[in-house]
Amino acid sequence: MSNCIFCKIAEGTIPSKKIYEDEDLVAFHDLNPQAPAHFLVIPKKHISTIMDAQQSDIQLLGKLLYTAQSLAAKLGYEQTGARFVINCKDDGGQTVHHLHVHVLAGRAMDWPPG
């Protein structure tokens, strides 16, 4: 999608502080971190929201979540834990309409979130 900021990050036309990339996914540090560690994992394929995922995306969705937890573990949060968040549409707090997983770690998280 030509006007999607996350598609442009995945293409490399907008710079980011990438921490991981493969043929399907990109992970990069959030520009407005809400925890000592805060990064996003996105599919390179444009899927606007989790509600727009199709049955054909099942393998990609599994890889998205596995990669998020694997990166959190590699960054040292396997023992202390992390929060994995997928916001969906406007009422769900999604501000960029390209599916992404927020990974937040390095501090205790409150519930419910503010």
PDB file of N, CA and C in Angstrom:
ATOM      1  N   MET A   1       0.856  -1.174   0.000  1.00  0.00           N
ATOM      2  CA  MET A   1       0.000   0.000   0.000  1.00  0.00           C
ATOM      3  C   MET A   1       0.898   1.232   0.000  1.00  0.00           C
ATOM      4  N   SER A   2       0.751   2.088  -0.958  1.00  0.00           N
ATOM      5  CA  SER A   2       1.714   3.155  -1.218  1.00  0.00           C
ATOM      6  C   SER A   2       1.788   4.232  -0.141  1.00  0.00           C
ATOM      7  N   ASN A   3       0.734   4.491   0.607  1.00  0.00           N
ATOM      8  CA  ASN A   3       0.783   5.558   1.607  1.00  0.00           C
ATOM      9  C   ASN A   3       0.930   5.034   3.037  1.00  0.00           C
ATOM     10  N   CYS A   4       1.201   3.768   3.205  1.00  0.00           N
ATOM     11  CA  CYS A   4       1.310   3.164   4.537  1.00  0.00           C
ATOM     12  C   CYS A   4       2.746   3.308   5.050  1.00  0.00           C
ATOM     13  N   ILE A   5       2.888   3.950   6.200  1.00  0.00           N
ATOM     14  CA  ILE A   5       4.230   4.180   6.769  1.00  0.00           C
ATOM     15  C   ILE A   5       4.940   2.862   7.090  1.00  0.00           C
ATOM     16  N   PHE A   6       4.204   1.858   7.565  1.00  0.00           N
ATOM     17  CA  PHE A   6       4.851   0.586   7.887  1.00  0.00           C
ATOM     18  C   PHE A   6       5.256  -0.174   6.625  1.00  0.00           C
ATOM     19  N   CYS A   7       4.490  -0.042   5.550  1.00  0.00           N
ATOM     20  CA  CYS A   7       4.919  -0.641   4.277  1.00  0.00           C
ATOM     21  C   CYS A   7       6.216   0.003   3.816  1.00  0.00           C
ATOM     22  N   LYS A   8       6.318   1.318   3.990  1.00  0.00           N
ATOM     23  CA  LYS A   8       7.537   2.029   3.587  1.00  0.00           C
ATOM     24  C   LYS A   8       8.724   1.620   4.459  1.00  0.00           C
ATOM     25  N   ILE A   9       8.491   1.393   5.739  1.00  0.00           N
ATOM     26  CA  ILE A   9       9.562   0.887   6.609  1.00  0.00           C
ATOM     27  C   ILE A   9       9.985  -0.511   6.151  1.00  0.00           C
ATOM     28  N   ALA A  10       9.006  -1.364   5.847  1.00  0.00           N
ATOM     29  CA  ALA A  10       9.306  -2.726   5.391  1.00  0.00           C
ATOM     30  C   ALA A  10      10.081  -2.706   4.078  1.00  0.00           C
ATOM     31  N   GLU A  11       9.766  -1.751   3.195  1.00  0.00           N
ATOM     32  CA  GLU A  11      10.469  -1.616   1.914  1.00  0.00           C
ATOM     33  C   GLU A  11      11.857  -1.010   2.078  1.00  0.00           C
ATOM     34  N   GLY A  12      12.078  -0.320   3.210  1.00  0.00           N
ATOM     35  CA  GLY A  12      13.350   0.345   3.429  1.00  0.00           C
ATOM     36  C   GLY A  12      13.378   1.778   2.921  1.00  0.00           C
ATOM     37  N   THR A  13      12.237   2.303   2.459  1.00  0.00           N
ATOM     38  CA  THR A  13      12.210   3.681   1.962  1.00  0.00           C
ATOM     39  C   THR A  13      12.086   4.698   3.092  1.00  0.00           C
ATOM     40  N   ILE A  14      11.651   4.270   4.264  1.00  0.00           N
ATOM     41  CA  ILE A  14      11.679   5.092   5.475  1.00  0.00           C
ATOM     42  C   ILE A  14      12.597   4.380   6.457  1.00  0.00           C
ATOM     43  N   PRO A  15      13.605   5.085   6.985  1.00  0.00           N
ATOM     44  CA  PRO A  15      14.546   4.436   7.906  1.00  0.00           C
ATOM     45  C   PRO A  15      13.893   4.095   9.247  1.00  0.00           C
ATOM     46  N   SER A  16      14.414   3.070   9.865  1.00  0.00           N
ATOM     47  CA  SER A  16      13.977   2.673  11.205  1.00  0.00           C
ATOM     48  C   SER A  16      15.158   2.011  11.904  1.00  0.00           C
ATOM     49  N   LYS A  17      15.030   1.852  13.209  1.00  0.00           N
ATOM     50  CA  LYS A  17      16.057   1.138  13.968  1.00  0.00           C
ATOM     51  C   LYS A  17      15.648  -0.336  14.008  1.00  0.00           C
ATOM     52  N   LYS A  18      15.958  -1.043  12.925  1.00  0.00           N
ATOM     53  CA  LYS A  18      15.566  -2.445  12.790  1.00  0.00           C
ATOM     54  C   LYS A  18      16.362  -3.320  13.754  1.00  0.00           C
ATOM     55  N   ILE A  19      15.638  -4.289  14.324  1.00  0.00           N
ATOM     56  CA  ILE A  19      16.304  -5.283  15.160  1.00  0.00           C
ATOM     57  C   ILE A  19      16.189  -6.679  14.551  1.00  0.00           C
ATOM     58  N   TYR A  20      15.358  -6.812  13.498  1.00  0.00           N
ATOM     59  CA  TYR A  20      15.183  -8.117  12.862  1.00  0.00           C
ATOM     60  C   TYR A  20      14.536  -7.895  11.500  1.00  0.00           C
ATOM     61  N   GLU A  21      14.915  -8.736  10.554  1.00  0.00           N
ATOM     62  CA  GLU A  21      14.249  -8.739   9.253  1.00  0.00           C
ATOM     63  C   GLU A  21      14.468 -10.085   8.594  1.00  0.00           C
ATOM     64  N   ASP A  22      13.412 -10.597   7.961  1.00  0.00           N
ATOM     65  CA  ASP A  22      13.516 -11.772   7.109  1.00  0.00           C
ATOM     66  C   ASP A  22      12.600 -11.547   5.911  1.00  0.00           C
ATOM     67  N   GLU A  23      12.305 -12.582   5.163  1.00  0.00           N
ATOM     68  CA  GLU A  23      11.506 -12.415   3.947  1.00  0.00           C
ATOM     69  C   GLU A  23      10.053 -12.027   4.223  1.00  0.00           C
ATOM     70  N   ASP A  24       9.562 -12.271   5.445  1.00  0.00           N
ATOM     71  CA  ASP A  24       8.156 -12.027   5.767  1.00  0.00           C
ATOM     72  C   ASP A  24       7.910 -10.900   6.770  1.00  0.00           C
ATOM     73  N   LEU A  25       8.884 -10.631   7.643  1.00  0.00           N
ATOM     74  CA  LEU A  25       8.671  -9.751   8.786  1.00  0.00           C
ATOM     75  C   LEU A  25       9.789  -8.736   8.954  1.00  0.00           C
ATOM     76  N   VAL A  26       9.452  -7.654   9.652  1.00  0.00           N
ATOM     77  CA  VAL A  26      10.431  -6.662  10.080  1.00  0.00           C
ATOM     78  C   VAL A  26      10.110  -6.307  11.524  1.00  0.00           C
ATOM     79  N   ALA A  27      11.125  -6.153  12.351  1.00  0.00           N
ATOM     80  CA  ALA A  27      10.957  -5.678  13.730  1.00  0.00           C
ATOM     81  C   ALA A  27      11.852  -4.457  13.914  1.00  0.00           C
ATOM     82  N   PHE A  28      11.310  -3.449  14.586  1.00  0.00           N
ATOM     83  CA  PHE A  28      12.048  -2.210  14.781  1.00  0.00           C
ATOM     84  C   PHE A  28      11.595  -1.533  16.067  1.00  0.00           C
ATOM     85  N   HIS A  29      12.464  -0.681  16.597  1.00  0.00           N
ATOM     86  CA  HIS A  29      12.168   0.041  17.831  1.00  0.00           C
ATOM     87  C   HIS A  29      11.063   1.062  17.593  1.00  0.00           C
ATOM     88  N   ASP A  30      10.156   1.195  18.575  1.00  0.00           N
ATOM     89  CA  ASP A  30       9.089   2.182  18.518  1.00  0.00           C
ATOM     90  C   ASP A  30       9.680   3.582  18.668  1.00  0.00           C
ATOM     91  N   LEU A  31       9.164   4.539  17.905  1.00  0.00           N
ATOM     92  CA  LEU A  31       9.648   5.924  17.984  1.00  0.00           C
ATOM     93  C   LEU A  31       9.214   6.627  19.264  1.00  0.00           C
ATOM     94  N   ASN A  32       8.157   6.134  19.890  1.00  0.00           N
ATOM     95  CA  ASN A  32       7.632   6.726  21.121  1.00  0.00           C
ATOM     96  C   ASN A  32       7.509   5.632  22.178  1.00  0.00           C
ATOM     97  N   PRO A  33       8.648   5.143  22.689  1.00  0.00           N
ATOM     98  CA  PRO A  33       8.617   3.976  23.585  1.00  0.00           C
ATOM     99  C   PRO A  33       7.832   4.224  24.869  1.00  0.00           C
ATOM    100  N   GLN A  34       7.075   3.209  25.265  1.00  0.00           N
ATOM    101  CA  GLN A  34       6.266   3.252  26.477  1.00  0.00           C
ATOM    102  C   GLN A  34       6.833   2.360  27.573  1.00  0.00           C
ATOM    103  N   ALA A  35       7.999   1.807  27.336  1.00  0.00           N
ATOM    104  CA  ALA A  35       8.695   0.950  28.289  1.00  0.00           C
ATOM    105  C   ALA A  35      10.179   0.981  27.926  1.00  0.00           C
ATOM    106  N   PRO A  36      11.048   0.538  28.832  1.00  0.00           N
ATOM    107  CA  PRO A  36      12.479   0.515  28.504  1.00  0.00           C
ATOM    108  C   PRO A  36      12.788  -0.237  27.203  1.00  0.00           C
ATOM    109  N   ALA A  37      12.073  -1.307  26.951  1.00  0.00           N
ATOM    110  CA  ALA A  37      12.150  -2.003  25.665  1.00  0.00           C
ATOM    111  C   ALA A  37      10.767  -1.908  25.030  1.00  0.00           C
ATOM    112  N   HIS A  38      10.692  -1.358  23.824  1.00  0.00           N
ATOM    113  CA  HIS A  38       9.421  -1.258  23.103  1.00  0.00           C
ATOM    114  C   HIS A  38       9.740  -1.327  21.619  1.00  0.00           C
ATOM    115  N   PHE A  39       9.345  -2.449  21.022  1.00  0.00           N
ATOM    116  CA  PHE A  39       9.562  -2.608  19.595  1.00  0.00           C
ATOM    117  C   PHE A  39       8.311  -3.166  18.945  1.00  0.00           C
ATOM    118  N   LEU A  40       8.265  -3.048  17.629  1.00  0.00           N
ATOM    119  CA  LEU A  40       7.131  -3.524  16.841  1.00  0.00           C
ATOM    120  C   LEU A  40       7.601  -4.636  15.915  1.00  0.00           C
ATOM    121  N   VAL A  41       6.725  -5.597  15.694  1.00  0.00           N
ATOM    122  CA  VAL A  41       6.973  -6.637  14.701  1.00  0.00           C
ATOM    123  C   VAL A  41       5.828  -6.551  13.705  1.00  0.00           C
ATOM    124  N   ILE A  42       6.172  -6.410  12.428  1.00  0.00           N
ATOM    125  CA  ILE A  42       5.149  -6.250  11.389  1.00  0.00           C
ATOM    126  C   ILE A  42       5.374  -7.252  10.265  1.00  0.00           C
ATOM    127  N   PRO A  43       4.278  -7.665   9.623  1.00  0.00           N
ATOM    128  CA  PRO A  43       4.455  -8.450   8.404  1.00  0.00           C
ATOM    129  C   PRO A  43       4.790  -7.507   7.254  1.00  0.00           C
ATOM    130  N   LYS A  44       5.587  -7.960   6.310  1.00  0.00           N
ATOM    131  CA  LYS A  44       5.855  -7.156   5.117  1.00  0.00           C
ATOM    132  C   LYS A  44       4.599  -7.063   4.248  1.00  0.00           C
ATOM    133  N   LYS A  45       3.797  -8.090   4.289  1.00  0.00           N
ATOM    134  CA  LYS A  45       2.521  -8.074   3.571  1.00  0.00           C
ATOM    135  C   LYS A  45       1.592  -7.092   4.271  1.00  0.00           C
ATOM    136  N   HIS A  46       0.950  -6.225   3.513  1.00  0.00           N
ATOM    137  CA  HIS A  46       0.027  -5.271   4.123  1.00  0.00           C
ATOM    138  C   HIS A  46      -1.283  -5.976   4.494  1.00  0.00           C
ATOM    139  N   ILE A  47      -1.530  -6.042   5.787  1.00  0.00           N
ATOM    140  CA  ILE A  47      -2.812  -6.478   6.342  1.00  0.00           C
ATOM    141  C   ILE A  47      -3.226  -5.329   7.249  1.00  0.00           C
ATOM    142  N   SER A  48      -4.334  -4.671   6.958  1.00  0.00           N
ATOM    143  CA  SER A  48      -4.694  -3.451   7.680  1.00  0.00           C
ATOM    144  C   SER A  48      -4.882  -3.667   9.172  1.00  0.00           C
ATOM    145  N   THR A  49      -5.633  -4.670   9.555  1.00  0.00           N
ATOM    146  CA  THR A  49      -5.899  -4.956  10.965  1.00  0.00           C
ATOM    147  C   THR A  49      -5.945  -6.463  11.164  1.00  0.00           C
ATOM    148  N   ILE A  50      -5.901  -6.900  12.399  1.00  0.00           N
ATOM    149  CA  ILE A  50      -6.024  -8.333  12.682  1.00  0.00           C
ATOM    150  C   ILE A  50      -7.369  -8.862  12.184  1.00  0.00           C
ATOM    151  N   MET A  51      -8.383  -8.002  12.154  1.00  0.00           N
ATOM    152  CA  MET A  51      -9.701  -8.398  11.663  1.00  0.00           C
ATOM    153  C   MET A  51      -9.717  -8.629  10.153  1.00  0.00           C
ATOM    154  N   ASP A  52      -8.691  -8.156   9.461  1.00  0.00           N
ATOM    155  CA  ASP A  52      -8.602  -8.333   8.011  1.00  0.00           C
ATOM    156  C   ASP A  52      -7.766  -9.543   7.613  1.00  0.00           C
ATOM    157  N   ALA A  53      -7.198 -10.238   8.578  1.00  0.00           N
ATOM    158  CA  ALA A  53      -6.404 -11.433   8.269  1.00  0.00           C
ATOM    159  C   ALA A  53      -7.308 -12.511   7.670  1.00  0.00           C
ATOM    160  N   GLN A  54      -6.748 -13.239   6.731  1.00  0.00           N
ATOM    161  CA  GLN A  54      -7.481 -14.304   6.044  1.00  0.00           C
ATOM    162  C   GLN A  54      -6.946 -15.669   6.478  1.00  0.00           C
ATOM    163  N   GLN A  55      -7.684 -16.710   6.157  1.00  0.00           N
ATOM    164  CA  GLN A  55      -7.229 -18.058   6.477  1.00  0.00           C
ATOM    165  C   GLN A  55      -5.865 -18.325   5.848  1.00  0.00           C
ATOM    166  N   SER A  56      -5.612 -17.743   4.697  1.00  0.00           N
ATOM    167  CA  SER A  56      -4.321 -17.930   4.026  1.00  0.00           C
ATOM    168  C   SER A  56      -3.168 -17.261   4.790  1.00  0.00           C
ATOM    169  N   ASP A  57      -3.476 -16.426   5.791  1.00  0.00           N
ATOM    170  CA  ASP A  57      -2.458 -15.738   6.594  1.00  0.00           C
ATOM    171  C   ASP A  57      -2.107 -16.481   7.885  1.00  0.00           C
ATOM    172  N   ILE A  58      -2.695 -17.648   8.124  1.00  0.00           N
ATOM    173  CA  ILE A  58      -2.489 -18.362   9.390  1.00  0.00           C
ATOM    174  C   ILE A  58      -1.004 -18.594   9.671  1.00  0.00           C
ATOM    175  N   GLN A  59      -0.261 -19.074   8.707  1.00  0.00           N
ATOM    176  CA  GLN A  59       1.165 -19.341   8.926  1.00  0.00           C
ATOM    177  C   GLN A  59       1.916 -18.037   9.225  1.00  0.00           C
ATOM    178  N   LEU A  60       1.596 -16.966   8.520  1.00  0.00           N
ATOM    179  CA  LEU A  60       2.240 -15.670   8.748  1.00  0.00           C
ATOM    180  C   LEU A  60       1.916 -15.145  10.145  1.00  0.00           C
ATOM    181  N   LEU A  61       0.672 -15.301  10.590  1.00  0.00           N
ATOM    182  CA  LEU A  61       0.290 -14.840  11.927  1.00  0.00           C
ATOM    183  C   LEU A  61       1.036 -15.609  13.013  1.00  0.00           C
ATOM    184  N   GLY A  62       1.180 -16.894  12.828  1.00  0.00           N
ATOM    185  CA  GLY A  62       1.950 -17.689  13.782  1.00  0.00           C
ATOM    186  C   GLY A  62       3.410 -17.255  13.823  1.00  0.00           C
ATOM    187  N   LYS A  63       3.976 -17.004  12.659  1.00  0.00           N
ATOM    188  CA  LYS A  63       5.363 -16.555  12.592  1.00  0.00           C
ATOM    189  C   LYS A  63       5.521 -15.190  13.243  1.00  0.00           C
ATOM    190  N   LEU A  64       4.527 -14.314  13.072  1.00  0.00           N
ATOM    191  CA  LEU A  64       4.540 -12.981  13.670  1.00  0.00           C
ATOM    192  C   LEU A  64       4.633 -13.077  15.192  1.00  0.00           C
ATOM    193  N   LEU A  65       3.779 -13.886  15.793  1.00  0.00           N
ATOM    194  CA  LEU A  65       3.786 -14.035  17.251  1.00  0.00           C
ATOM    195  C   LEU A  65       5.035 -14.760  17.745  1.00  0.00           C
ATOM    196  N   TYR A  66       5.437 -15.806  17.041  1.00  0.00           N
ATOM    197  CA  TYR A  66       6.639 -16.527  17.464  1.00  0.00           C
ATOM    198  C   TYR A  66       7.859 -15.612  17.417  1.00  0.00           C
ATOM    199  N   THR A  67       7.975 -14.825  16.362  1.00  0.00           N
ATOM    200  CA  THR A  67       9.117 -13.918  16.227  1.00  0.00           C
ATOM    201  C   THR A  67       9.096 -12.865  17.333  1.00  0.00           C
ATOM    202  N   ALA A  68       7.924 -12.339  17.670  1.00  0.00           N
ATOM    203  CA  ALA A  68       7.817 -11.347  18.743  1.00  0.00           C
ATOM    204  C   ALA A  68       8.343 -11.915  20.056  1.00  0.00           C
ATOM    205  N   GLN A  69       7.920 -13.121  20.423  1.00  0.00           N
ATOM    206  CA  GLN A  69       8.369 -13.700  21.690  1.00  0.00           C
ATOM    207  C   GLN A  69       9.832 -14.100  21.633  1.00  0.00           C
ATOM    208  N   SER A  70      10.284 -14.551  20.481  1.00  0.00           N
ATOM    209  CA  SER A  70      11.680 -14.939  20.330  1.00  0.00           C
ATOM    210  C   SER A  70      12.606 -13.729  20.488  1.00  0.00           C
ATOM    211  N   LEU A  71      12.217 -12.605  19.897  1.00  0.00           N
ATOM    212  CA  LEU A  71      13.027 -11.391  20.027  1.00  0.00           C
ATOM    213  C   LEU A  71      13.024 -10.882  21.467  1.00  0.00           C
ATOM    214  N   ALA A  72      11.877 -10.955  22.143  1.00  0.00           N
ATOM    215  CA  ALA A  72      11.823 -10.550  23.556  1.00  0.00           C
ATOM    216  C   ALA A  72      12.771 -11.410  24.386  1.00  0.00           C
ATOM    217  N   ALA A  73      12.795 -12.704  24.109  1.00  0.00           N
ATOM    218  CA  ALA A  73      13.698 -13.601  24.837  1.00  0.00           C
ATOM    219  C   ALA A  73      15.157 -13.264  24.539  1.00  0.00           C
ATOM    220  N   LYS A  74      15.473 -13.025  23.276  1.00  0.00           N
ATOM    221  CA  LYS A  74      16.856 -12.696  22.897  1.00  0.00           C
ATOM    222  C   LYS A  74      17.322 -11.389  23.531  1.00  0.00           C
ATOM    223  N   LEU A  75      16.386 -10.481  23.792  1.00  0.00           N
ATOM    224  CA  LEU A  75      16.730  -9.213  24.433  1.00  0.00           C
ATOM    225  C   LEU A  75      16.799  -9.333  25.955  1.00  0.00           C
ATOM    226  N   GLY A  76      16.566 -10.546  26.473  1.00  0.00           N
ATOM    227  CA  GLY A  76      16.754 -10.789  27.898  1.00  0.00           C
ATOM    228  C   GLY A  76      15.503 -10.767  28.747  1.00  0.00           C
ATOM    229  N   TYR A  77      14.320 -10.844  28.134  1.00  0.00           N
ATOM    230  CA  TYR A  77      13.078 -10.744  28.894  1.00  0.00           C
ATOM    231  C   TYR A  77      12.335 -12.076  29.035  1.00  0.00           C
ATOM    232  N   GLU A  78      13.016 -13.169  28.768  1.00  0.00           N
ATOM    233  CA  GLU A  78      12.372 -14.479  28.869  1.00  0.00           C
ATOM    234  C   GLU A  78      11.944 -14.772  30.307  1.00  0.00           C
ATOM    235  N   GLN A  79      12.760 -14.420  31.276  1.00  0.00           N
ATOM    236  CA  GLN A  79      12.445 -14.717  32.681  1.00  0.00           C
ATOM    237  C   GLN A  79      11.479 -13.713  33.290  1.00  0.00           C
ATOM    238  N   THR A  80      11.662 -12.432  33.001  1.00  0.00           N
ATOM    239  CA  THR A  80      10.832 -11.396  33.630  1.00  0.00           C
ATOM    240  C   THR A  80       9.526 -11.153  32.895  1.00  0.00           C
ATOM    241  N   GLY A  81       9.476 -11.450  31.611  1.00  0.00           N
ATOM    242  CA  GLY A  81       8.246 -11.326  30.842  1.00  0.00           C
ATOM    243  C   GLY A  81       8.155 -10.043  30.038  1.00  0.00           C
ATOM    244  N   ALA A  82       7.088  -9.966  29.269  1.00  0.00           N
ATOM    245  CA  ALA A  82       6.849  -8.829  28.388  1.00  0.00           C
ATOM    246  C   ALA A  82       5.354  -8.749  28.112  1.00  0.00           C
ATOM    247  N   ARG A  83       4.938  -7.638  27.580  1.00  0.00           N
ATOM    248  CA  ARG A  83       3.547  -7.483  27.135  1.00  0.00           C
ATOM    249  C   ARG A  83       3.553  -7.473  25.616  1.00  0.00           C
ATOM    250  N   PHE A  84       2.649  -8.265  25.029  1.00  0.00           N
ATOM    251  CA  PHE A  84       2.488  -8.367  23.588  1.00  0.00           C
ATOM    252  C   PHE A  84       1.103  -7.820  23.265  1.00  0.00           C
ATOM    253  N   VAL A  85       1.044  -6.767  22.437  1.00  0.00           N
ATOM    254  CA  VAL A  85      -0.214  -6.055  22.196  1.00  0.00           C
ATOM    255  C   VAL A  85      -0.481  -5.950  20.703  1.00  0.00           C
ATOM    256  N   ILE A  86      -1.727  -6.273  20.323  1.00  0.00           N
ATOM    257  CA  ILE A  86      -2.202  -6.018  18.966  1.00  0.00           C
ATOM    258  C   ILE A  86      -3.435  -5.127  19.100  1.00  0.00           C
ATOM    259  N   ASN A  87      -3.295  -3.857  18.744  1.00  0.00           N
ATOM    260  CA  ASN A  87      -4.438  -2.943  18.735  1.00  0.00           C
ATOM    261  C   ASN A  87      -5.176  -3.133  17.420  1.00  0.00           C
ATOM    262  N   CYS A  88      -6.506  -2.956  17.454  1.00  0.00           N
ATOM    263  CA  CYS A  88      -7.310  -3.191  16.256  1.00  0.00           C
ATOM    264  C   CYS A  88      -8.320  -2.070  16.045  1.00  0.00           C
ATOM    265  N   LYS A  89      -8.175  -1.387  14.960  1.00  0.00           N
ATOM    266  CA  LYS A  89      -9.045  -0.301  14.517  1.00  0.00           C
ATOM    267  C   LYS A  89      -9.056   0.848  15.524  1.00  0.00           C
ATOM    268  N   ASP A  90      -9.840   1.864  15.234  1.00  0.00           N
ATOM    269  CA  ASP A  90      -9.802   3.088  16.025  1.00  0.00           C
ATOM    270  C   ASP A  90     -10.176   2.866  17.488  1.00  0.00           C
ATOM    271  N   ASP A  91     -11.262   2.160  17.763  1.00  0.00           N
ATOM    272  CA  ASP A  91     -11.673   1.931  19.154  1.00  0.00           C
ATOM    273  C   ASP A  91     -10.686   1.057  19.914  1.00  0.00           C
ATOM    274  N   GLY A  92      -9.917   0.270  19.213  1.00  0.00           N
ATOM    275  CA  GLY A  92      -8.903  -0.573  19.841  1.00  0.00           C
ATOM    276  C   GLY A  92      -7.566   0.129  20.007  1.00  0.00           C
ATOM    277  N   GLY A  93      -7.490   1.390  19.578  1.00  0.00           N
ATOM    278  CA  GLY A  93      -6.267   2.158  19.754  1.00  0.00           C
ATOM    279  C   GLY A  93      -5.248   2.030  18.636  1.00  0.00           C
ATOM    280  N   GLN A  94      -5.646   1.458  17.505  1.00  0.00           N
ATOM    281  CA  GLN A  94      -4.708   1.305  16.387  1.00  0.00           C
ATOM    282  C   GLN A  94      -4.544   2.647  15.683  1.00  0.00           C
ATOM    283  N   THR A  95      -3.315   3.133  15.591  1.00  0.00           N
ATOM    284  CA  THR A  95      -3.064   4.419  14.940  1.00  0.00           C
ATOM    285  C   THR A  95      -2.438   4.262  13.554  1.00  0.00           C
ATOM    286  N   VAL A  96      -1.764   3.158  13.308  1.00  0.00           N
ATOM    287  CA  VAL A  96      -1.246   2.859  11.972  1.00  0.00           C
ATOM    288  C   VAL A  96      -1.982   1.607  11.503  1.00  0.00           C
ATOM    289  N   HIS A  97      -2.686   1.727  10.392  1.00  0.00           N
ATOM    290  CA  HIS A  97      -3.520   0.631   9.924  1.00  0.00           C
ATOM    291  C   HIS A  97      -2.724  -0.329   9.042  1.00  0.00           C
ATOM    292  N   HIS A  98      -1.800  -0.990   9.719  1.00  0.00           N
ATOM    293  CA  HIS A  98      -0.990  -2.084   9.181  1.00  0.00           C
ATOM    294  C   HIS A  98      -0.757  -2.977  10.395  1.00  0.00           C
ATOM    295  N   LEU A  99      -1.168  -4.215  10.311  1.00  0.00           N
ATOM    296  CA  LEU A  99      -1.057  -5.136  11.442  1.00  0.00           C
ATOM    297  C   LEU A  99       0.331  -5.081  12.055  1.00  0.00           C
ATOM    298  N   HIS A 100       0.380  -4.978  13.379  1.00  0.00           N
ATOM    299  CA  HIS A 100       1.662  -4.981  14.076  1.00  0.00           C
ATOM    300  C   HIS A 100       1.468  -5.428  15.516  1.00  0.00           C
ATOM    301  N   VAL A 101       2.522  -6.022  16.049  1.00  0.00           N
ATOM    302  CA  VAL A 101       2.559  -6.445  17.446  1.00  0.00           C
ATOM    303  C   VAL A 101       3.522  -5.513  18.177  1.00  0.00           C
ATOM    304  N   HIS A 102       3.017  -4.873  19.235  1.00  0.00           N
ATOM    305  CA  HIS A 102       3.887  -4.110  20.129  1.00  0.00           C
ATOM    306  C   HIS A 102       4.461  -5.095  21.141  1.00  0.00           C
ATOM    307  N   VAL A 103       5.741  -5.011  21.417  1.00  0.00           N
ATOM    308  CA  VAL A 103       6.369  -5.789  22.480  1.00  0.00           C
ATOM    309  C   VAL A 103       6.966  -4.774  23.451  1.00  0.00           C
ATOM    310  N   LEU A 104       6.471  -4.811  24.698  1.00  0.00           N
ATOM    311  CA  LEU A 104       6.922  -3.896  25.741  1.00  0.00           C
ATOM    312  C   LEU A 104       7.498  -4.709  26.880  1.00  0.00           C
ATOM    313  N   ALA A 105       8.663  -4.291  27.376  1.00  0.00           N
ATOM    314  CA  ALA A 105       9.321  -5.041  28.438  1.00  0.00           C
ATOM    315  C   ALA A 105      10.261  -4.117  29.207  1.00  0.00           C
ATOM    316  N   GLY A 106      10.772  -4.636  30.312  1.00  0.00           N
ATOM    317  CA  GLY A 106      11.743  -3.894  31.088  1.00  0.00           C
ATOM    318  C   GLY A 106      11.156  -3.170  32.289  1.00  0.00           C
ATOM    319  N   ARG A 107       9.862  -3.327  32.498  1.00  0.00           N
ATOM    320  CA  ARG A 107       9.198  -2.771  33.684  1.00  0.00           C
ATOM    321  C   ARG A 107       7.913  -3.552  33.918  1.00  0.00           C
ATOM    322  N   ALA A 108       7.392  -3.444  35.139  1.00  0.00           N
ATOM    323  CA  ALA A 108       6.108  -4.084  35.440  1.00  0.00           C
ATOM    324  C   ALA A 108       5.000  -3.322  34.717  1.00  0.00           C
ATOM    325  N   MET A 109       4.046  -4.049  34.179  1.00  0.00           N
ATOM    326  CA  MET A 109       2.913  -3.467  33.449  1.00  0.00           C
ATOM    327  C   MET A 109       1.679  -3.465  34.342  1.00  0.00           C
ATOM    328  N   ASP A 110       0.906  -2.409  34.262  1.00  0.00           N
ATOM    329  CA  ASP A 110      -0.358  -2.321  35.005  1.00  0.00           C
ATOM    330  C   ASP A 110      -1.482  -2.956  34.198  1.00  0.00           C
ATOM    331  N   TRP A 111      -2.526  -3.383  34.927  1.00  0.00           N
ATOM    332  CA  TRP A 111      -3.744  -3.858  34.270  1.00  0.00           C
ATOM    333  C   TRP A 111      -4.937  -3.357  35.045  1.00  0.00           C
ATOM    334  N   PRO A 112      -5.925  -2.818  34.415  1.00  0.00           N
ATOM    335  CA  PRO A 112      -5.979  -2.642  32.967  1.00  0.00           C
ATOM    336  C   PRO A 112      -5.115  -1.479  32.523  1.00  0.00           C
ATOM    337  N   PRO A 113      -4.723  -1.500  31.235  1.00  0.00           N
ATOM    338  CA  PRO A 113      -3.915  -0.387  30.734  1.00  0.00           C
ATOM    339  C   PRO A 113      -4.722   0.896  30.747  1.00  0.00           C
ATOM    340  N   GLY A 114      -4.048   2.021  30.808  1.00  0.00           N
ATOM    341  CA  GLY A 114      -4.707   3.320  30.923  1.00  0.00           C
ATOM    342  C   GLY A 114      -5.436   3.798  29.724  1.00  0.00           C
TER     343      GLY A 114
END
